PDB file of N, CA and C in Angstrom:
ATOM      1  N   MET A   1      67.832  -1.864 -73.953  1.00  0.00           N
ATOM      2  CA  MET A   1      68.010  -1.512 -75.446  1.00  0.00           C
ATOM      3  C   MET A   1      69.443  -1.972 -75.707  1.00  0.00           C
ATOM      4  N   ALA A   2      69.463  -2.522 -76.811  1.00  0.00           N
ATOM      5  CA  ALA A   2      70.909  -2.890 -77.654  1.00  0.00           C
ATOM      6  C   ALA A   2      71.353  -1.762 -77.721  1.00  0.00           C
ATOM      7  N   GLU A   3      72.970  -2.018 -77.412  1.00  0.00           N
ATOM      8  CA  GLU A   3      73.569  -1.119 -77.985  1.00  0.00           C
ATOM      9  C   GLU A   3      73.721  -0.442 -79.425  1.00  0.00           C
ATOM     10  N   ILE A   4      74.129   0.465 -79.853  1.00  0.00           N
ATOM     11  CA  ILE A   4      74.220   0.629 -81.189  1.00  0.00           C
ATOM     12  C   ILE A   4      75.450   0.347 -81.546  1.00  0.00           C
ATOM     13  N   CYS A   5      75.675  -0.701 -82.575  1.00  0.00           N
ATOM     14  CA  CYS A   5      77.165  -1.272 -83.231  1.00  0.00           C
ATOM     15  C   CYS A   5      78.253   0.195 -83.653  1.00  0.00           C
ATOM     16  N   SER A   6      79.672  -0.240 -83.687  1.00  0.00           N
ATOM     17  CA  SER A   6      80.434   0.561 -84.502  1.00  0.00           C
ATOM     18  C   SER A   6      80.164   1.152 -85.746  1.00  0.00           C
ATOM     19  N   HIS A   7      79.735   0.050 -86.115  1.00  0.00           N
ATOM     20  CA  HIS A   7      79.694   0.690 -87.859  1.00  0.00           C
ATOM     21  C   HIS A   7      78.765   1.951 -87.667  1.00  0.00           C
ATOM     22  N   ILE A   8      77.716   1.287 -87.193  1.00  0.00           N
ATOM     23  CA  ILE A   8      76.907   2.521 -87.448  1.00  0.00           C
ATOM     24  C   ILE A   8      77.023   3.818 -86.814  1.00  0.00           C
ATOM     25  N   THR A   9      77.672   3.742 -85.310  1.00  0.00           N
ATOM     26  CA  THR A   9      78.038   5.076 -85.139  1.00  0.00           C
ATOM     27  C   THR A   9      79.280   5.601 -85.343  1.00  0.00           C
ATOM     28  N   SER A  10      79.696   5.072 -86.311  1.00  0.00           N
ATOM     29  CA  SER A  10      81.202   5.597 -87.125  1.00  0.00           C
ATOM     30  C   SER A  10      80.527   6.783 -88.176  1.00  0.00           C
ATOM     31  N   ILE A  11      79.111   6.451 -88.769  1.00  0.00           N
ATOM     32  CA  ILE A  11      78.781   7.655 -90.021  1.00  0.00           C
ATOM     33  C   ILE A  11      78.072   8.953 -89.450  1.00  0.00           C
ATOM     34  N   LYS A  12      79.049   9.896 -89.743  1.00  0.00           N
ATOM     35  CA  LYS A  12      78.992  10.874 -89.101  1.00  0.00           C
ATOM     36  C   LYS A  12      78.101  11.647 -90.393  1.00  0.00           C
ATOM     37  N   THR A  13      78.278  11.672 -91.694  1.00  0.00           N
ATOM     38  CA  THR A  13      77.387  12.241 -92.877  1.00  0.00           C
ATOM     39  C   THR A  13      76.636  11.207 -93.710  1.00  0.00           C
ATOM     40  N   LEU A  14      75.334  11.500 -93.778  1.00  0.00           N
ATOM     41  CA  LEU A  14      74.774  10.509 -94.860  1.00  0.00           C
ATOM     42  C   LEU A  14      74.670  10.683 -96.139  1.00  0.00           C
ATOM     43  N   LYS A  15      75.457   9.506 -96.767  1.00  0.00           N
ATOM     44  CA  LYS A  15      75.511   9.503 -98.698  1.00  0.00           C
ATOM     45  C   LYS A  15      74.002   9.480 -98.925  1.00  0.00           C
ATOM     46  N   VAL A  16      73.318  10.133 -99.465  1.00  0.00           N
ATOM     47  CA  VAL A  16      72.304  10.191-100.071  1.00  0.00           C
ATOM     48  C   VAL A  16      72.095  10.100-101.571  1.00  0.00           C
ATOM     49  N   ASP A  17      70.924   9.293-101.758  1.00  0.00           N
ATOM     50  CA  ASP A  17      70.965   9.376-103.488  1.00  0.00           C
ATOM     51  C   ASP A  17      70.133  10.357-103.980  1.00  0.00           C
ATOM     52  N   GLU A  18      70.379  10.923-105.574  1.00  0.00           N
ATOM     53  CA  GLU A  18      69.860  11.746-105.946  1.00  0.00           C
ATOM     54  C   GLU A  18      68.702  11.319-107.138  1.00  0.00           C
ATOM     55  N   GLU A  19      68.986  10.113-108.040  1.00  0.00           N
ATOM     56  CA  GLU A  19      68.699   9.449-108.977  1.00  0.00           C
ATOM     57  C   GLU A  19      67.623   8.639-108.419  1.00  0.00           C
ATOM     58  N   HIS A  20      67.547   8.089-107.549  1.00  0.00           N
ATOM     59  CA  HIS A  20      66.904   7.196-107.140  1.00  0.00           C
ATOM     60  C   HIS A  20      66.320   5.918-107.878  1.00  0.00           C
ATOM     61  N   VAL A  21      67.570   5.356-108.345  1.00  0.00           N
ATOM     62  CA  VAL A  21      67.681   4.200-109.422  1.00  0.00           C
ATOM     63  C   VAL A  21      68.387   2.998-108.600  1.00  0.00           C
ATOM     64  N   CYS A  22      68.144   2.079-108.831  1.00  0.00           N
ATOM     65  CA  CYS A  22      69.596   0.967-108.841  1.00  0.00           C
ATOM     66  C   CYS A  22      70.323   1.019-109.873  1.00  0.00           C
ATOM     67  N   GLU A  23      71.290   1.209-109.725  1.00  0.00           N
ATOM     68  CA  GLU A  23      72.462   1.394-110.760  1.00  0.00           C
ATOM     69  C   GLU A  23      72.544  -0.212-111.750  1.00  0.00           C
ATOM     70  N   GLU A  24      72.736  -1.153-111.351  1.00  0.00           N
ATOM     71  CA  GLU A  24      72.963  -2.184-111.234  1.00  0.00           C
ATOM     72  C   GLU A  24      71.447  -2.858-112.246  1.00  0.00           C
ATOM     73  N   CYS A  25      70.225  -2.489-111.609  1.00  0.00           N
ATOM     74  CA  CYS A  25      69.474  -3.116-112.385  1.00  0.00           C
ATOM     75  C   CYS A  25      68.960  -2.010-113.976  1.00  0.00           C
ATOM     76  N   VAL A  26      69.545  -0.895-113.598  1.00  0.00           N
ATOM     77  CA  VAL A  26      69.105  -0.233-114.918  1.00  0.00           C
ATOM     78  C   VAL A  26      70.450  -0.892-116.227  1.00  0.00           C
ATOM     79  N   LYS A  27      71.288  -1.072-115.560  1.00  0.00           N
ATOM     80  CA  LYS A  27      72.425  -2.340-116.487  1.00  0.00           C
ATOM     81  C   LYS A  27      71.827  -2.896-117.275  1.00  0.00           C
ATOM     82  N   ILE A  28      71.083  -4.135-116.480  1.00  0.00           N
ATOM     83  CA  ILE A  28      70.343  -5.304-117.041  1.00  0.00           C
ATOM     84  C   ILE A  28      68.829  -5.293-117.378  1.00  0.00           C
ATOM     85  N   GLY A  29      68.329  -4.195-117.499  1.00  0.00           N
ATOM     86  CA  GLY A  29      67.054  -4.016-117.628  1.00  0.00           C
ATOM     87  C   GLY A  29      66.055  -4.625-116.446  1.00  0.00           C
ATOM     88  N   SER A  30      66.464  -4.916-114.995  1.00  0.00           N
ATOM     89  CA  SER A  30      65.700  -5.039-114.210  1.00  0.00           C
ATOM     90  C   SER A  30      64.862  -4.030-113.495  1.00  0.00           C
ATOM     91  N   ASP A  31      63.740  -4.706-112.734  1.00  0.00           N
ATOM     92  CA  ASP A  31      63.273  -3.839-111.916  1.00  0.00           C
ATOM     93  C   ASP A  31      63.586  -4.086-110.448  1.00  0.00           C
ATOM     94  N   TRP A  32      63.143  -3.163-109.638  1.00  0.00           N
ATOM     95  CA  TRP A  32      63.287  -3.074-108.151  1.00  0.00           C
ATOM     96  C   TRP A  32      62.388  -2.811-107.063  1.00  0.00           C
ATOM     97  N   VAL A  33      61.920  -3.052-106.072  1.00  0.00           N
ATOM     98  CA  VAL A  33      61.215  -2.567-104.700  1.00  0.00           C
ATOM     99  C   VAL A  33      61.588  -1.410-104.379  1.00  0.00           C
ATOM    100  N   HIS A  34      62.771  -2.031-103.652  1.00  0.00           N
ATOM    101  CA  HIS A  34      63.072  -0.480-102.880  1.00  0.00           C
ATOM    102  C   HIS A  34      64.235  -0.656-103.100  1.00  0.00           C
ATOM    103  N   LEU A  35      65.097   0.759-102.615  1.00  0.00           N
ATOM    104  CA  LEU A  35      66.021   1.469-102.917  1.00  0.00           C
ATOM    105  C   LEU A  35      67.247   1.277-101.467  1.00  0.00           C
ATOM    106  N   ARG A  36      68.555   1.280-101.275  1.00  0.00           N
ATOM    107  CA  ARG A  36      69.325   1.074-100.239  1.00  0.00           C
ATOM    108  C   ARG A  36      70.528   2.214-100.916  1.00  0.00           C
ATOM    109  N   THR A  37      71.169   2.778-100.142  1.00  0.00           N
ATOM    110  CA  THR A  37      72.438   3.554-100.389  1.00  0.00           C
ATOM    111  C   THR A  37      73.498   3.100 -99.604  1.00  0.00           C
ATOM    112  N   CYS A  38      74.895   2.740 -99.964  1.00  0.00           N
ATOM    113  CA  CYS A  38      75.852   2.116 -99.244  1.00  0.00           C
ATOM    114  C   CYS A  38      76.763   3.400 -98.612  1.00  0.00           C
ATOM    115  N   GLN A  39      77.208   3.252 -97.128  1.00  0.00           N
ATOM    116  CA  GLN A  39      77.320   4.466 -96.286  1.00  0.00           C
ATOM    117  C   GLN A  39      78.635   4.761 -96.665  1.00  0.00           C
ATOM    118  N   THR A  40      79.445   3.593 -97.414  1.00  0.00           N
ATOM    119  CA  THR A  40      80.896   3.664 -97.955  1.00  0.00           C
ATOM    120  C   THR A  40      81.292   4.180 -99.159  1.00  0.00           C
ATOM    121  N   CYS A  41      80.588   3.905-100.166  1.00  0.00           N
ATOM    122  CA  CYS A  41      80.876   4.071-101.335  1.00  0.00           C
ATOM    123  C   CYS A  41      80.022   5.189-101.934  1.00  0.00           C
ATOM    124  N   GLY A  42      78.562   5.198-101.363  1.00  0.00           N
ATOM    125  CA  GLY A  42      77.689   6.034-101.863  1.00  0.00           C
ATOM    126  C   GLY A  42      76.498   5.213-103.211  1.00  0.00           C
ATOM    127  N   ALA A  43      76.980   3.835-103.478  1.00  0.00           N
ATOM    128  CA  ALA A  43      76.292   3.352-104.147  1.00  0.00           C
ATOM    129  C   ALA A  43      74.955   3.228-103.893  1.00  0.00           C
ATOM    130  N   THR A  44      73.487   3.168-104.518  1.00  0.00           N
ATOM    131  CA  THR A  44      72.450   3.111-104.495  1.00  0.00           C
ATOM    132  C   THR A  44      71.786   1.570-105.311  1.00  0.00           C
ATOM    133  N   LEU A  45      71.441   0.698-104.840  1.00  0.00           N
ATOM    134  CA  LEU A  45      71.066  -0.160-105.350  1.00  0.00           C
ATOM    135  C   LEU A  45      69.631  -1.232-105.047  1.00  0.00           C
ATOM    136  N   CYS A  46      69.208  -2.005-104.956  1.00  0.00           N
ATOM    137  CA  CYS A  46      67.838  -2.688-104.972  1.00  0.00           C
ATOM    138  C   CYS A  46      68.126  -3.507-103.211  1.00  0.00           C
ATOM    139  N   CYS A  47      66.853  -3.518-102.934  1.00  0.00           N
ATOM    140  CA  CYS A  47      66.967  -4.629-101.370  1.00  0.00           C
ATOM    141  C   CYS A  47      66.786  -5.817-101.762  1.00  0.00           C
ATOM    142  N   ASP A  48      66.529  -6.945-100.936  1.00  0.00           N
ATOM    143  CA  ASP A  48      66.337  -7.974-100.802  1.00  0.00           C
ATOM    144  C   ASP A  48      65.055  -8.456-101.140  1.00  0.00           C
ATOM    145  N   GLN A  49      64.206  -7.317-101.219  1.00  0.00           N
ATOM    146  CA  GLN A  49      62.736  -8.070-101.581  1.00  0.00           C
ATOM    147  C   GLN A  49      62.515  -7.675-103.369  1.00  0.00           C
ATOM    148  N   SER A  50      63.450  -7.285-103.877  1.00  0.00           N
ATOM    149  CA  SER A  50      63.871  -7.259-105.429  1.00  0.00           C
ATOM    150  C   SER A  50      64.157  -8.315-105.712  1.00  0.00           C
ATOM    151  N   PRO A  51      64.185  -8.800-107.264  1.00  0.00           N
ATOM    152  CA  PRO A  51      64.536  -9.819-107.654  1.00  0.00           C
ATOM    153  C   PRO A  51      65.872  -9.828-107.732  1.00  0.00           C
ATOM    154  N   GLU A  52      66.803  -9.224-107.999  1.00  0.00           N
ATOM    155  CA  GLU A  52      68.360  -9.201-107.895  1.00  0.00           C
ATOM    156  C   GLU A  52      69.011  -8.656-106.672  1.00  0.00           C
ATOM    157  N   LYS A  53      68.630  -8.364-105.729  1.00  0.00           N
ATOM    158  CA  LYS A  53      69.250  -8.316-104.310  1.00  0.00           C
ATOM    159  C   LYS A  53      70.490  -7.560-104.612  1.00  0.00           C
ATOM    160  N   HIS A  54      70.409  -6.780-105.420  1.00  0.00           N
ATOM    161  CA  HIS A  54      71.782  -6.087-105.336  1.00  0.00           C
ATOM    162  C   HIS A  54      72.597  -5.336-104.455  1.00  0.00           C
ATOM    163  N   MET A  55      71.917  -4.919-103.588  1.00  0.00           N
ATOM    164  CA  MET A  55      72.444  -4.556-102.230  1.00  0.00           C
ATOM    165  C   MET A  55      73.298  -5.343-101.189  1.00  0.00           C
ATOM    166  N   THR A  56      72.435  -6.669-100.920  1.00  0.00           N
ATOM    167  CA  THR A  56      73.092  -7.541-100.723  1.00  0.00           C
ATOM    168  C   THR A  56      74.516  -8.203-101.332  1.00  0.00           C
ATOM    169  N   LYS A  57      74.294  -8.353-102.473  1.00  0.00           N
ATOM    170  CA  LYS A  57      75.660  -8.586-103.135  1.00  0.00           C
ATOM    171  C   LYS A  57      76.439  -8.285-103.282  1.00  0.00           C
ATOM    172  N   HIS A  58      76.469  -6.601-103.030  1.00  0.00           N
ATOM    173  CA  HIS A  58      77.519  -5.555-102.987  1.00  0.00           C
ATOM    174  C   HIS A  58      78.073  -5.641-101.372  1.00  0.00           C
ATOM    175  N   PHE A  59      77.464  -5.796-100.774  1.00  0.00           N
ATOM    176  CA  PHE A  59      77.791  -6.345 -99.153  1.00  0.00           C
ATOM    177  C   PHE A  59      79.182  -7.288 -99.339  1.00  0.00           C
ATOM    178  N   HIS A  60      78.280  -8.714 -99.891  1.00  0.00           N
ATOM    179  CA  HIS A  60      79.157  -9.498 -99.764  1.00  0.00           C
ATOM    180  C   HIS A  60      80.426  -9.550-100.639  1.00  0.00           C
ATOM    181  N   LYS A  61      80.535  -8.377-101.513  1.00  0.00           N
ATOM    182  CA  LYS A  61      81.783  -8.428-102.715  1.00  0.00           C
ATOM    183  C   LYS A  61      82.597  -7.574-102.029  1.00  0.00           C
ATOM    184  N   THR A  62      82.283  -6.222-101.324  1.00  0.00           N
ATOM    185  CA  THR A  62      83.199  -5.154-100.631  1.00  0.00           C
ATOM    186  C   THR A  62      83.208  -5.269 -99.174  1.00  0.00           C
ATOM    187  N   GLN A  63      82.172  -5.722 -98.721  1.00  0.00           N
ATOM    188  CA  GLN A  63      81.785  -5.770 -96.968  1.00  0.00           C
ATOM    189  C   GLN A  63      82.121  -4.359 -96.421  1.00  0.00           C
ATOM    190  N   HIS A  64      81.172  -3.805 -97.442  1.00  0.00           N
ATOM    191  CA  HIS A  64      80.610  -2.620 -97.113  1.00  0.00           C
ATOM    192  C   HIS A  64      79.614  -2.425 -95.853  1.00  0.00           C
ATOM    193  N   PRO A  65      79.629  -2.606 -94.675  1.00  0.00           N
ATOM    194  CA  PRO A  65      78.898  -2.816 -93.819  1.00  0.00           C
ATOM    195  C   PRO A  65      77.715  -1.844 -93.692  1.00  0.00           C
ATOM    196  N   VAL A  66      77.353  -0.767 -93.907  1.00  0.00           N
ATOM    197  CA  VAL A  66      76.309  -0.099 -93.382  1.00  0.00           C
ATOM    198  C   VAL A  66      75.254   0.550 -94.729  1.00  0.00           C
ATOM    199  N   VAL A  67      74.285   0.500 -94.987  1.00  0.00           N
ATOM    200  CA  VAL A  67      72.977   1.083 -95.801  1.00  0.00           C
ATOM    201  C   VAL A  67      72.168   1.863 -95.138  1.00  0.00           C
ATOM    202  N   ILE A  68      71.930   2.684 -95.921  1.00  0.00           N
ATOM    203  CA  ILE A  68      70.472   3.292 -95.333  1.00  0.00           C
ATOM    204  C   ILE A  68      69.009   3.096 -96.405  1.00  0.00           C
ATOM    205  N   SER A  69      67.918   3.581 -96.158  1.00  0.00           N
ATOM    206  CA  SER A  69      66.641   3.609 -97.129  1.00  0.00           C
ATOM    207  C   SER A  69      67.081   4.639 -98.065  1.00  0.00           C
ATOM    208  N   ALA A  70      67.004   4.388 -99.171  1.00  0.00           N
ATOM    209  CA  ALA A  70      66.946   5.469 -99.789  1.00  0.00           C
ATOM    210  C   ALA A  70      65.490   5.848-100.329  1.00  0.00           C
ATOM    211  N   GLU A  71      64.537   5.368 -99.836  1.00  0.00           N
ATOM    212  CA  GLU A  71      62.750   5.480 -99.677  1.00  0.00           C
ATOM    213  C   GLU A  71      62.658   6.865 -99.330  1.00  0.00           C
ATOM    214  N   PRO A  72      62.124   7.646-100.105  1.00  0.00           N
ATOM    215  CA  PRO A  72      61.254   9.129 -99.498  1.00  0.00           C
ATOM    216  C   PRO A  72      60.502   8.715 -98.362  1.00  0.00           C
ATOM    217  N   GLY A  73      61.142   9.305 -97.021  1.00  0.00           N
ATOM    218  CA  GLY A  73      60.260   9.271 -95.658  1.00  0.00           C
ATOM    219  C   GLY A  73      60.887   8.069 -94.902  1.00  0.00           C
ATOM    220  N   GLU A  74      61.447   7.545 -95.234  1.00  0.00           N
ATOM    221  CA  GLU A  74      62.396   6.249 -94.256  1.00  0.00           C
ATOM    222  C   GLU A  74      63.365   6.931 -93.668  1.00  0.00           C
ATOM    223  N   ARG A  75      63.648   6.666 -92.393  1.00  0.00           N
ATOM    224  CA  ARG A  75      64.818   7.119 -91.807  1.00  0.00           C
ATOM    225  C   ARG A  75      65.386   6.339 -91.202  1.00  0.00           C
ATOM    226  N   TRP A  76      66.374   5.201 -91.766  1.00  0.00           N
ATOM    227  CA  TRP A  76      66.865   4.150 -91.214  1.00  0.00           C
ATOM    228  C   TRP A  76      68.308   3.472 -91.605  1.00  0.00           C
ATOM    229  N   LEU A  77      68.881   3.040 -90.830  1.00  0.00           N
ATOM    230  CA  LEU A  77      70.302   2.367 -91.143  1.00  0.00           C
ATOM    231  C   LEU A  77      70.396   1.058 -91.058  1.00  0.00           C
ATOM    232  N   TRP A  78      71.060  -0.226 -91.572  1.00  0.00           N
ATOM    233  CA  TRP A  78      70.759  -0.970 -91.597  1.00  0.00           C
ATOM    234  C   TRP A  78      72.804  -1.680 -91.332  1.00  0.00           C
ATOM    235  N   CYS A  79      72.871  -2.336 -90.415  1.00  0.00           N
ATOM    236  CA  CYS A  79      74.222  -3.071 -90.665  1.00  0.00           C
ATOM    237  C   CYS A  79      74.612  -4.695 -91.059  1.00  0.00           C
ATOM    238  N   TYR A  80      75.379  -5.135 -92.077  1.00  0.00           N
ATOM    239  CA  TYR A  80      75.211  -6.250 -92.351  1.00  0.00           C
ATOM    240  C   TYR A  80      75.931  -6.933 -91.903  1.00  0.00           C
ATOM    241  N   VAL A  81      77.006  -6.580 -91.070  1.00  0.00           N
ATOM    242  CA  VAL A  81      78.263  -7.066 -90.301  1.00  0.00           C
ATOM    243  C   VAL A  81      77.444  -7.647 -88.910  1.00  0.00           C
ATOM    244  N   ASP A  82      76.521  -6.531 -87.984  1.00  0.00           N
ATOM    245  CA  ASP A  82      76.303  -7.034 -86.957  1.00  0.00           C
ATOM    246  C   ASP A  82      74.740  -7.049 -86.855  1.00  0.00           C
ATOM    247  N   GLU A  83      74.110  -7.325 -87.911  1.00  0.00           N
ATOM    248  CA  GLU A  83      72.566  -7.305 -88.215  1.00  0.00           C
ATOM    249  C   GLU A  83      71.646  -6.459 -87.244  1.00  0.00           C
ATOM    250  N   GLN A  84      71.944  -5.325 -87.532  1.00  0.00           N
ATOM    251  CA  GLN A  84      71.730  -4.253 -86.532  1.00  0.00           C
ATOM    252  C   GLN A  84      70.801  -3.072 -87.258  1.00  0.00           C
ATOM    253  N   PHE A  85      69.589  -2.639 -87.233  1.00  0.00           N
ATOM    254  CA  PHE A  85      68.945  -1.589 -87.529  1.00  0.00           C
ATOM    255  C   PHE A  85      68.603  -0.436 -86.568  1.00  0.00           C
ATOM    256  N   ALA A  86      68.716   0.632 -87.269  1.00  0.00           N
ATOM    257  CA  ALA A  86      69.110   2.202 -86.044  1.00  0.00           C
ATOM    258  C   ALA A  86      67.852   2.995 -87.185  1.00  0.00           C
ATOM    259  N   GLU A  87      66.944   3.947 -86.507  1.00  0.00           N
ATOM    260  CA  GLU A  87      66.396   4.982 -86.808  1.00  0.00           C
ATOM    261  C   GLU A  87      67.283   6.285 -86.283  1.00  0.00           C
ATOM    262  N   TYR A  88      67.119   7.179 -87.579  1.00  0.00           N
ATOM    263  CA  TYR A  88      68.036   8.265 -87.589  1.00  0.00           C
ATOM    264  C   TYR A  88      66.831   9.441 -87.311  1.00  0.00           C
TER     265      TYR A  88
END
């Protein structure tokens, strides 16, 4: 089993979404498929299966490395830098 990256292991408290909407899709009137929450700033944005792929754009703009799924019942983290997945 691979060692979990330092970006993921450095997270001690999860930032969670309460509204369950993609902030950027709402602004432009677009739809989303699934949501992710940035663990650096708390922004909740749409996934790569969504037309606008706002969370990946957020990563490229900010370099914030780790997101969690904002979907009910899903308990995982993704590190963009190390391309690593971890369940919690």
